[in-house]
Amino acid sequence: MEKYKQLFAKKINPLLYSHNGWAEVLDVKDGELILKMRGACSSCLSVHSTVDHFITNVVKENCPEIEKILLSDEPDPELWDMAKKILNHKTLDDKK
């Protein structure tokens, strides 16, 4: 698992950070790498293209044992918190 986290830290997330997001490795099993997209990447309309073209290419080049990359579909807790603040008419700067 650490091998994959390091790959993302060094070769994938630096580019995603420039778009205010990142990818988190949740699990690896049976040749499948399970990711959670975070920050702006969690709600980006191009997320599947990013995974299919950029992330998959980097992973397969460095980790040929990975056959498939899957995205976790759990909503990002940060987005839920932001939505609750908006619905409660609070600004993003409010600490309440």
PDB file of N, CA and C in Angstrom:
ATOM      1  N   MET A   1       0.830  -1.193   0.000  1.00  0.00           N
ATOM      2  CA  MET A   1       0.000   0.000   0.000  1.00  0.00           C
ATOM      3  C   MET A   1       0.877   1.262   0.000  1.00  0.00           C
ATOM      4  N   GLU A   2       1.957   1.217   0.765  1.00  0.00           N
ATOM      5  CA  GLU A   2       2.843   2.382   0.849  1.00  0.00           C
ATOM      6  C   GLU A   2       3.441   2.723  -0.519  1.00  0.00           C
ATOM      7  N   LYS A   3       3.750   1.702  -1.292  1.00  0.00           N
ATOM      8  CA  LYS A   3       4.304   1.904  -2.642  1.00  0.00           C
ATOM      9  C   LYS A   3       3.370   2.772  -3.487  1.00  0.00           C
ATOM     10  N   TYR A   4       2.084   2.493  -3.416  1.00  0.00           N
ATOM     11  CA  TYR A   4       1.098   3.216  -4.214  1.00  0.00           C
ATOM     12  C   TYR A   4       0.898   4.638  -3.690  1.00  0.00           C
ATOM     13  N   LYS A   5       0.890   4.773  -2.376  1.00  0.00           N
ATOM     14  CA  LYS A   5       0.748   6.106  -1.791  1.00  0.00           C
ATOM     15  C   LYS A   5       1.929   6.990  -2.184  1.00  0.00           C
ATOM     16  N   GLN A   6       3.120   6.417  -2.202  1.00  0.00           N
ATOM     17  CA  GLN A   6       4.309   7.182  -2.599  1.00  0.00           C
ATOM     18  C   GLN A   6       4.242   7.578  -4.076  1.00  0.00           C
ATOM     19  N   LEU A   7       3.761   6.671  -4.908  1.00  0.00           N
ATOM     20  CA  LEU A   7       3.608   6.976  -6.329  1.00  0.00           C
ATOM     21  C   LEU A   7       2.689   8.186  -6.515  1.00  0.00           C
ATOM     22  N   PHE A   8       1.580   8.189  -5.811  1.00  0.00           N
ATOM     23  CA  PHE A   8       0.635   9.298  -5.917  1.00  0.00           C
ATOM     24  C   PHE A   8       1.243  10.585  -5.361  1.00  0.00           C
ATOM     25  N   ALA A   9       1.962  10.476  -4.250  1.00  0.00           N
ATOM     26  CA  ALA A   9       2.577  11.657  -3.639  1.00  0.00           C
ATOM     27  C   ALA A   9       3.610  12.297  -4.561  1.00  0.00           C
ATOM     28  N   LYS A  10       4.351  11.476  -5.284  1.00  0.00           N
ATOM     29  CA  LYS A  10       5.454  12.003  -6.095  1.00  0.00           C
ATOM     30  C   LYS A  10       5.087  12.303  -7.544  1.00  0.00           C
ATOM     31  N   LYS A  11       4.198  11.501  -8.145  1.00  0.00           N
ATOM     32  CA  LYS A  11       3.985  11.638  -9.586  1.00  0.00           C
ATOM     33  C   LYS A  11       2.581  12.056 -10.023  1.00  0.00           C
ATOM     34  N   ILE A  12       1.607  11.894  -9.162  1.00  0.00           N
ATOM     35  CA  ILE A  12       0.227  12.183  -9.581  1.00  0.00           C
ATOM     36  C   ILE A  12      -0.330  13.416  -8.876  1.00  0.00           C
ATOM     37  N   ASN A  13      -0.242  13.432  -7.553  1.00  0.00           N
ATOM     38  CA  ASN A  13      -0.861  14.533  -6.815  1.00  0.00           C
ATOM     39  C   ASN A  13      -0.243  15.900  -7.073  1.00  0.00           C
ATOM     40  N   PRO A  14       1.059  16.012  -7.362  1.00  0.00           N
ATOM     41  CA  PRO A  14       1.559  17.361  -7.668  1.00  0.00           C
ATOM     42  C   PRO A  14       0.798  18.043  -8.814  1.00  0.00           C
ATOM     43  N   LEU A  15       0.424  17.294  -9.831  1.00  0.00           N
ATOM     44  CA  LEU A  15      -0.358  17.887 -10.917  1.00  0.00           C
ATOM     45  C   LEU A  15      -1.780  18.189 -10.445  1.00  0.00           C
ATOM     46  N   LEU A  16      -2.369  17.268  -9.702  1.00  0.00           N
ATOM     47  CA  LEU A  16      -3.740  17.480  -9.223  1.00  0.00           C
ATOM     48  C   LEU A  16      -3.808  18.653  -8.243  1.00  0.00           C
ATOM     49  N   TYR A  17      -2.743  18.863  -7.451  1.00  0.00           N
ATOM     50  CA  TYR A  17      -2.714  20.011  -6.531  1.00  0.00           C
ATOM     51  C   TYR A  17      -2.849  21.320  -7.292  1.00  0.00           C
ATOM     52  N   SER A  18      -2.301  21.368  -8.491  1.00  0.00           N
ATOM     53  CA  SER A  18      -2.387  22.603  -9.280  1.00  0.00           C
ATOM     54  C   SER A  18      -3.824  22.906  -9.702  1.00  0.00           C
ATOM     55  N   HIS A  19      -4.704  21.939  -9.534  1.00  0.00           N
ATOM     56  CA  HIS A  19      -6.132  22.110  -9.819  1.00  0.00           C
ATOM     57  C   HIS A  19      -6.951  22.101  -8.523  1.00  0.00           C
ATOM     58  N   ASN A  20      -6.243  22.294  -7.395  1.00  0.00           N
ATOM     59  CA  ASN A  20      -6.875  22.336  -6.062  1.00  0.00           C
ATOM     60  C   ASN A  20      -7.515  21.020  -5.638  1.00  0.00           C
ATOM     61  N   GLY A  21      -6.933  19.917  -6.057  1.00  0.00           N
ATOM     62  CA  GLY A  21      -7.439  18.619  -5.656  1.00  0.00           C
ATOM     63  C   GLY A  21      -6.315  17.617  -5.508  1.00  0.00           C
ATOM     64  N   TRP A  22      -6.686  16.401  -5.177  1.00  0.00           N
ATOM     65  CA  TRP A  22      -5.720  15.312  -5.064  1.00  0.00           C
ATOM     66  C   TRP A  22      -6.462  13.984  -5.053  1.00  0.00           C
ATOM     67  N   ALA A  23      -5.704  12.900  -5.179  1.00  0.00           N
ATOM     68  CA  ALA A  23      -6.275  11.555  -5.146  1.00  0.00           C
ATOM     69  C   ALA A  23      -5.700  10.821  -3.948  1.00  0.00           C
ATOM     70  N   GLU A  24      -6.565  10.110  -3.260  1.00  0.00           N
ATOM     71  CA  GLU A  24      -6.155   9.328  -2.090  1.00  0.00           C
ATOM     72  C   GLU A  24      -6.327   7.848  -2.406  1.00  0.00           C
ATOM     73  N   VAL A  25      -5.296   7.069  -2.154  1.00  0.00           N
ATOM     74  CA  VAL A  25      -5.373   5.626  -2.340  1.00  0.00           C
ATOM     75  C   VAL A  25      -6.076   5.046  -1.118  1.00  0.00           C
ATOM     76  N   LEU A  26      -7.229   4.408  -1.339  1.00  0.00           N
ATOM     77  CA  LEU A  26      -7.986   3.814  -0.246  1.00  0.00           C
ATOM     78  C   LEU A  26      -7.640   2.356  -0.012  1.00  0.00           C
ATOM     79  N   ASP A  27      -7.438   1.620  -1.117  1.00  0.00           N
ATOM     80  CA  ASP A  27      -7.206   0.181  -0.980  1.00  0.00           C
ATOM     81  C   ASP A  27      -6.615  -0.372  -2.268  1.00  0.00           C
ATOM     82  N   VAL A  28      -5.952  -1.491  -2.131  1.00  0.00           N
ATOM     83  CA  VAL A  28      -5.427  -2.232  -3.274  1.00  0.00           C
ATOM     84  C   VAL A  28      -5.733  -3.689  -3.007  1.00  0.00           C
ATOM     85  N   LYS A  29      -6.435  -4.329  -3.960  1.00  0.00           N
ATOM     86  CA  LYS A  29      -6.717  -5.759  -3.794  1.00  0.00           C
ATOM     87  C   LYS A  29      -7.015  -6.386  -5.135  1.00  0.00           C
ATOM     88  N   ASP A  30      -6.485  -7.573  -5.311  1.00  0.00           N
ATOM     89  CA  ASP A  30      -6.730  -8.355  -6.526  1.00  0.00           C
ATOM     90  C   ASP A  30      -6.481  -7.565  -7.812  1.00  0.00           C
ATOM     91  N   GLY A  31      -5.399  -6.795  -7.851  1.00  0.00           N
ATOM     92  CA  GLY A  31      -5.056  -6.046  -9.050  1.00  0.00           C
ATOM     93  C   GLY A  31      -5.878  -4.791  -9.273  1.00  0.00           C
ATOM     94  N   GLU A  32      -6.671  -4.414  -8.272  1.00  0.00           N
ATOM     95  CA  GLU A  32      -7.492  -3.206  -8.373  1.00  0.00           C
ATOM     96  C   GLU A  32      -7.031  -2.166  -7.361  1.00  0.00           C
ATOM     97  N   LEU A  33      -6.890  -0.954  -7.831  1.00  0.00           N
ATOM     98  CA  LEU A  33      -6.510   0.175  -6.991  1.00  0.00           C
ATOM     99  C   LEU A  33      -7.754   1.026  -6.805  1.00  0.00           C
ATOM    100  N   ILE A  34      -8.135   1.265  -5.560  1.00  0.00           N
ATOM    101  CA  ILE A  34      -9.346   2.023  -5.275  1.00  0.00           C
ATOM    102  C   ILE A  34      -8.951   3.406  -4.771  1.00  0.00           C
ATOM    103  N   LEU A  35      -9.471   4.420  -5.451  1.00  0.00           N
ATOM    104  CA  LEU A  35      -9.132   5.811  -5.172  1.00  0.00           C
ATOM    105  C   LEU A  35     -10.330   6.599  -4.681  1.00  0.00           C
ATOM    106  N   LYS A  36     -10.023   7.645  -3.956  1.00  0.00           N
ATOM    107  CA  LYS A  36     -11.012   8.663  -3.588  1.00  0.00           C
ATOM    108  C   LYS A  36     -10.450   9.991  -4.049  1.00  0.00           C
ATOM    109  N   MET A  37     -11.187  10.685  -4.872  1.00  0.00           N
ATOM    110  CA  MET A  37     -10.761  11.995  -5.335  1.00  0.00           C
ATOM    111  C   MET A  37     -11.172  13.017  -4.282  1.00  0.00           C
ATOM    112  N   ARG A  38     -10.257  13.925  -3.977  1.00  0.00           N
ATOM    113  CA  ARG A  38     -10.475  14.897  -2.908  1.00  0.00           C
ATOM    114  C   ARG A  38     -10.370  16.320  -3.448  1.00  0.00           C
ATOM    115  N   GLY A  39     -10.795  17.257  -2.611  1.00  0.00           N
ATOM    116  CA  GLY A  39     -10.737  18.667  -2.988  1.00  0.00           C
ATOM    117  C   GLY A  39     -11.564  18.935  -4.233  1.00  0.00           C
ATOM    118  N   ALA A  40     -11.076  19.817  -5.082  1.00  0.00           N
ATOM    119  CA  ALA A  40     -11.803  20.178  -6.295  1.00  0.00           C
ATOM    120  C   ALA A  40     -11.989  18.982  -7.225  1.00  0.00           C
ATOM    121  N   CYS A  41     -11.100  18.007  -7.146  1.00  0.00           N
ATOM    122  CA  CYS A  41     -11.218  16.819  -8.010  1.00  0.00           C
ATOM    123  C   CYS A  41     -12.456  15.982  -7.673  1.00  0.00           C
ATOM    124  N   SER A  42     -12.951  16.110  -6.449  1.00  0.00           N
ATOM    125  CA  SER A  42     -14.097  15.297  -6.049  1.00  0.00           C
ATOM    126  C   SER A  42     -15.387  15.701  -6.744  1.00  0.00           C
ATOM    127  N   SER A  43     -15.426  16.928  -7.253  1.00  0.00           N
ATOM    128  CA  SER A  43     -16.648  17.388  -7.932  1.00  0.00           C
ATOM    129  C   SER A  43     -16.385  17.814  -9.368  1.00  0.00           C
ATOM    130  N   CYS A  44     -15.213  17.504  -9.877  1.00  0.00           N
ATOM    131  CA  CYS A  44     -14.843  17.922 -11.229  1.00  0.00           C
ATOM    132  C   CYS A  44     -15.553  17.071 -12.282  1.00  0.00           C
ATOM    133  N   LEU A  45     -16.048  17.712 -13.305  1.00  0.00           N
ATOM    134  CA  LEU A  45     -16.719  16.994 -14.381  1.00  0.00           C
ATOM    135  C   LEU A  45     -15.746  16.162 -15.224  1.00  0.00           C
ATOM    136  N   SER A  46     -14.469  16.474 -15.142  1.00  0.00           N
ATOM    137  CA  SER A  46     -13.457  15.751 -15.927  1.00  0.00           C
ATOM    138  C   SER A  46     -12.764  14.646 -15.140  1.00  0.00           C
ATOM    139  N   VAL A  47     -13.289  14.305 -13.981  1.00  0.00           N
ATOM    140  CA  VAL A  47     -12.601  13.338 -13.119  1.00  0.00           C
ATOM    141  C   VAL A  47     -12.385  11.993 -13.811  1.00  0.00           C
ATOM    142  N   HIS A  48     -13.358  11.509 -14.550  1.00  0.00           N
ATOM    143  CA  HIS A  48     -13.201  10.202 -15.205  1.00  0.00           C
ATOM    144  C   HIS A  48     -12.152  10.254 -16.307  1.00  0.00           C
ATOM    145  N   SER A  49     -12.091  11.347 -16.999  1.00  0.00           N
ATOM    146  CA  SER A  49     -11.057  11.522 -18.019  1.00  0.00           C
ATOM    147  C   SER A  49      -9.672  11.578 -17.371  1.00  0.00           C
ATOM    148  N   THR A  50      -9.569  12.280 -16.253  1.00  0.00           N
ATOM    149  CA  THR A  50      -8.300  12.358 -15.523  1.00  0.00           C
ATOM    150  C   THR A  50      -7.849  10.980 -15.084  1.00  0.00           C
ATOM    151  N   VAL A  51      -8.777  10.196 -14.560  1.00  0.00           N
ATOM    152  CA  VAL A  51      -8.439   8.840 -14.117  1.00  0.00           C
ATOM    153  C   VAL A  51      -8.093   7.963 -15.317  1.00  0.00           C
ATOM    154  N   ASP A  52      -8.929   7.987 -16.339  1.00  0.00           N
ATOM    155  CA  ASP A  52      -8.730   7.106 -17.495  1.00  0.00           C
ATOM    156  C   ASP A  52      -7.455   7.400 -18.270  1.00  0.00           C
ATOM    157  N   HIS A  53      -7.078   8.651 -18.353  1.00  0.00           N
ATOM    158  CA  HIS A  53      -5.937   9.001 -19.197  1.00  0.00           C
ATOM    159  C   HIS A  53      -4.668   9.282 -18.406  1.00  0.00           C
ATOM    160  N   PHE A  54      -4.736  10.173 -17.452  1.00  0.00           N
ATOM    161  CA  PHE A  54      -3.535  10.551 -16.725  1.00  0.00           C
ATOM    162  C   PHE A  54      -3.159   9.531 -15.641  1.00  0.00           C
ATOM    163  N   ILE A  55      -4.052   9.314 -14.689  1.00  0.00           N
ATOM    164  CA  ILE A  55      -3.728   8.454 -13.551  1.00  0.00           C
ATOM    165  C   ILE A  55      -3.456   7.021 -13.999  1.00  0.00           C
ATOM    166  N   THR A  56      -4.295   6.477 -14.853  1.00  0.00           N
ATOM    167  CA  THR A  56      -4.103   5.097 -15.315  1.00  0.00           C
ATOM    168  C   THR A  56      -2.753   4.932 -16.009  1.00  0.00           C
ATOM    169  N   ASN A  57      -2.376   5.874 -16.847  1.00  0.00           N
ATOM    170  CA  ASN A  57      -1.089   5.774 -17.548  1.00  0.00           C
ATOM    171  C   ASN A  57       0.085   5.776 -16.572  1.00  0.00           C
ATOM    172  N   VAL A  58       0.052   6.669 -15.598  1.00  0.00           N
ATOM    173  CA  VAL A  58       1.147   6.750 -14.625  1.00  0.00           C
ATOM    174  C   VAL A  58       1.197   5.480 -13.779  1.00  0.00           C
ATOM    175  N   VAL A  59       0.052   5.009 -13.329  1.00  0.00           N
ATOM    176  CA  VAL A  59       0.015   3.802 -12.488  1.00  0.00           C
ATOM    177  C   VAL A  59       0.507   2.589 -13.273  1.00  0.00           C
ATOM    178  N   LYS A  60       0.015   2.391 -14.476  1.00  0.00           N
ATOM    179  CA  LYS A  60       0.411   1.208 -15.258  1.00  0.00           C
ATOM    180  C   LYS A  60       1.892   1.244 -15.635  1.00  0.00           C
ATOM    181  N   GLU A  61       2.427   2.429 -15.846  1.00  0.00           N
ATOM    182  CA  GLU A  61       3.850   2.565 -16.165  1.00  0.00           C
ATOM    183  C   GLU A  61       4.730   2.179 -14.974  1.00  0.00           C
ATOM    184  N   ASN A  62       4.249   2.463 -13.770  1.00  0.00           N
ATOM    185  CA  ASN A  62       5.034   2.230 -12.560  1.00  0.00           C
ATOM    186  C   ASN A  62       4.633   0.986 -11.781  1.00  0.00           C
ATOM    187  N   CYS A  63       3.433   0.502 -11.986  1.00  0.00           N
ATOM    188  CA  CYS A  63       2.913  -0.633 -11.220  1.00  0.00           C
ATOM    189  C   CYS A  63       2.111  -1.550 -12.153  1.00  0.00           C
ATOM    190  N   PRO A  64       2.797  -2.328 -12.976  1.00  0.00           N
ATOM    191  CA  PRO A  64       2.095  -3.157 -13.956  1.00  0.00           C
ATOM    192  C   PRO A  64       1.162  -4.205 -13.348  1.00  0.00           C
ATOM    193  N   GLU A  65       1.313  -4.474 -12.066  1.00  0.00           N
ATOM    194  CA  GLU A  65       0.434  -5.435 -11.405  1.00  0.00           C
ATOM    195  C   GLU A  65      -0.992  -4.911 -11.220  1.00  0.00           C
ATOM    196  N   ILE A  66      -1.170  -3.592 -11.345  1.00  0.00           N
ATOM    197  CA  ILE A  66      -2.507  -2.998 -11.228  1.00  0.00           C
ATOM    198  C   ILE A  66      -3.207  -3.111 -12.578  1.00  0.00           C
ATOM    199  N   GLU A  67      -4.324  -3.801 -12.583  1.00  0.00           N
ATOM    200  CA  GLU A  67      -5.083  -4.028 -13.817  1.00  0.00           C
ATOM    201  C   GLU A  67      -6.238  -3.050 -13.990  1.00  0.00           C
ATOM    202  N   LYS A  68      -6.723  -2.516 -12.872  1.00  0.00           N
ATOM    203  CA  LYS A  68      -7.916  -1.677 -12.936  1.00  0.00           C
ATOM    204  C   LYS A  68      -7.861  -0.626 -11.831  1.00  0.00           C
ATOM    205  N   ILE A  69      -8.350   0.572 -12.148  1.00  0.00           N
ATOM    206  CA  ILE A  69      -8.452   1.644 -11.169  1.00  0.00           C
ATOM    207  C   ILE A  69      -9.928   1.971 -10.991  1.00  0.00           C
ATOM    208  N   LEU A  70     -10.359   1.939  -9.750  1.00  0.00           N
ATOM    209  CA  LEU A  70     -11.760   2.211  -9.426  1.00  0.00           C
ATOM    210  C   LEU A  70     -11.852   3.449  -8.550  1.00  0.00           C
ATOM    211  N   LEU A  71     -12.920   4.204  -8.742  1.00  0.00           N
ATOM    212  CA  LEU A  71     -13.186   5.369  -7.909  1.00  0.00           C
ATOM    213  C   LEU A  71     -14.227   5.028  -6.858  1.00  0.00           C
ATOM    214  N   SER A  72     -13.942   5.389  -5.632  1.00  0.00           N
ATOM    215  CA  SER A  72     -14.930   5.257  -4.570  1.00  0.00           C
ATOM    216  C   SER A  72     -16.022   6.287  -4.835  1.00  0.00           C
ATOM    217  N   ASP A  73     -17.262   5.905  -4.654  1.00  0.00           N
ATOM    218  CA  ASP A  73     -18.354   6.843  -4.922  1.00  0.00           C
ATOM    219  C   ASP A  73     -18.932   7.457  -3.652  1.00  0.00           C
ATOM    220  N   GLU A  74     -18.230   7.277  -2.528  1.00  0.00           N
ATOM    221  CA  GLU A  74     -18.685   7.924  -1.297  1.00  0.00           C
ATOM    222  C   GLU A  74     -18.490   9.423  -1.411  1.00  0.00           C
ATOM    223  N   PRO A  75     -19.471  10.221  -1.012  1.00  0.00           N
ATOM    224  CA  PRO A  75     -19.317  11.678  -1.087  1.00  0.00           C
ATOM    225  C   PRO A  75     -18.223  12.156  -0.129  1.00  0.00           C
ATOM    226  N   ASP A  76     -17.541  13.197  -0.508  1.00  0.00           N
ATOM    227  CA  ASP A  76     -16.485  13.786   0.304  1.00  0.00           C
ATOM    228  C   ASP A  76     -17.125  14.495   1.503  1.00  0.00           C
ATOM    229  N   PRO A  77     -16.715  14.164   2.738  1.00  0.00           N
ATOM    230  CA  PRO A  77     -17.289  14.821   3.923  1.00  0.00           C
ATOM    231  C   PRO A  77     -17.132  16.337   3.906  1.00  0.00           C
ATOM    232  N   GLU A  78     -16.053  16.838   3.318  1.00  0.00           N
ATOM    233  CA  GLU A  78     -15.860  18.286   3.234  1.00  0.00           C
ATOM    234  C   GLU A  78     -16.964  18.936   2.406  1.00  0.00           C
ATOM    235  N   LEU A  79     -17.400  18.265   1.339  1.00  0.00           N
ATOM    236  CA  LEU A  79     -18.477  18.813   0.521  1.00  0.00           C
ATOM    237  C   LEU A  79     -19.797  18.811   1.283  1.00  0.00           C
ATOM    238  N   TRP A  80     -20.031  17.767   2.086  1.00  0.00           N
ATOM    239  CA  TRP A  80     -21.246  17.732   2.900  1.00  0.00           C
ATOM    240  C   TRP A  80     -21.247  18.892   3.889  1.00  0.00           C
ATOM    241  N   ASP A  81     -20.107  19.141   4.546  1.00  0.00           N
ATOM    242  CA  ASP A  81     -20.018  20.250   5.496  1.00  0.00           C
ATOM    243  C   ASP A  81     -20.273  21.584   4.812  1.00  0.00           C
ATOM    244  N   MET A  82     -19.708  21.767   3.626  1.00  0.00           N
ATOM    245  CA  MET A  82     -19.907  23.000   2.885  1.00  0.00           C
ATOM    246  C   MET A  82     -21.378  23.167   2.503  1.00  0.00           C
ATOM    247  N   ALA A  83     -22.009  22.096   2.061  1.00  0.00           N
ATOM    248  CA  ALA A  83     -23.426  22.158   1.676  1.00  0.00           C
ATOM    249  C   ALA A  83     -24.297  22.506   2.874  1.00  0.00           C
ATOM    250  N   LYS A  84     -23.992  21.937   4.039  1.00  0.00           N
ATOM    251  CA  LYS A  84     -24.761  22.241   5.249  1.00  0.00           C
ATOM    252  C   LYS A  84     -24.642  23.711   5.621  1.00  0.00           C
ATOM    253  N   LYS A  85     -23.426  24.263   5.503  1.00  0.00           N
ATOM    254  CA  LYS A  85     -23.231  25.685   5.810  1.00  0.00           C
ATOM    255  C   LYS A  85     -24.031  26.555   4.847  1.00  0.00           C
ATOM    256  N   ILE A  86     -24.001  26.210   3.592  1.00  0.00           N
ATOM    257  CA  ILE A  86     -24.743  26.991   2.596  1.00  0.00           C
ATOM    258  C   ILE A  86     -26.234  26.921   2.878  1.00  0.00           C
ATOM    259  N   LEU A  87     -26.728  25.720   3.170  1.00  0.00           N
ATOM    260  CA  LEU A  87     -28.156  25.565   3.454  1.00  0.00           C
ATOM    261  C   LEU A  87     -28.577  26.284   4.738  1.00  0.00           C
ATOM    262  N   ASN A  88     -27.637  26.414   5.667  1.00  0.00           N
ATOM    263  CA  ASN A  88     -27.928  27.127   6.916  1.00  0.00           C
ATOM    264  C   ASN A  88     -27.581  28.611   6.825  1.00  0.00           C
ATOM    265  N   HIS A  89     -27.323  29.080   5.598  1.00  0.00           N
ATOM    266  CA  HIS A  89     -27.026  30.488   5.333  1.00  0.00           C
ATOM    267  C   HIS A  89     -25.799  30.989   6.081  1.00  0.00           C
ATOM    268  N   LYS A  90     -24.804  30.130   6.200  1.00  0.00           N
ATOM    269  CA  LYS A  90     -23.556  30.527   6.835  1.00  0.00           C
ATOM    270  C   LYS A  90     -22.500  30.684   5.756  1.00  0.00           C
ATOM    271  N   THR A  91     -21.598  31.588   5.998  1.00  0.00           N
ATOM    272  CA  THR A  91     -20.506  31.755   5.047  1.00  0.00           C
ATOM    273  C   THR A  91     -19.463  30.674   5.302  1.00  0.00           C
ATOM    274  N   LEU A  92     -18.577  30.484   4.366  1.00  0.00           N
ATOM    275  CA  LEU A  92     -17.531  29.483   4.522  1.00  0.00           C
ATOM    276  C   LEU A  92     -16.531  29.877   5.607  1.00  0.00           C
ATOM    277  N   ASP A  93     -16.519  31.159   5.989  1.00  0.00           N
ATOM    278  CA  ASP A  93     -15.603  31.625   7.035  1.00  0.00           C
ATOM    279  C   ASP A  93     -16.172  31.416   8.431  1.00  0.00           C
ATOM    280  N   ASP A  94     -17.470  31.159   8.549  1.00  0.00           N
ATOM    281  CA  ASP A  94     -18.090  30.934   9.863  1.00  0.00           C
ATOM    282  C   ASP A  94     -17.524  29.673  10.479  1.00  0.00           C
ATOM    283  N   LYS A  95     -17.260  29.725  11.759  1.00  0.00           N
ATOM    284  CA  LYS A  95     -16.697  28.568  12.474  1.00  0.00           C
ATOM    285  C   LYS A  95     -17.790  27.743  13.141  1.00  0.00           C
ATOM    286  N   LYS A  96     -19.008  28.187  13.112  1.00  0.00           N
ATOM    287  CA  LYS A  96     -20.110  27.504  13.793  1.00  0.00           C
ATOM    288  C   LYS A  96     -20.644  26.361  12.998  1.00  0.00           C
TER     289      LYS A  96
END
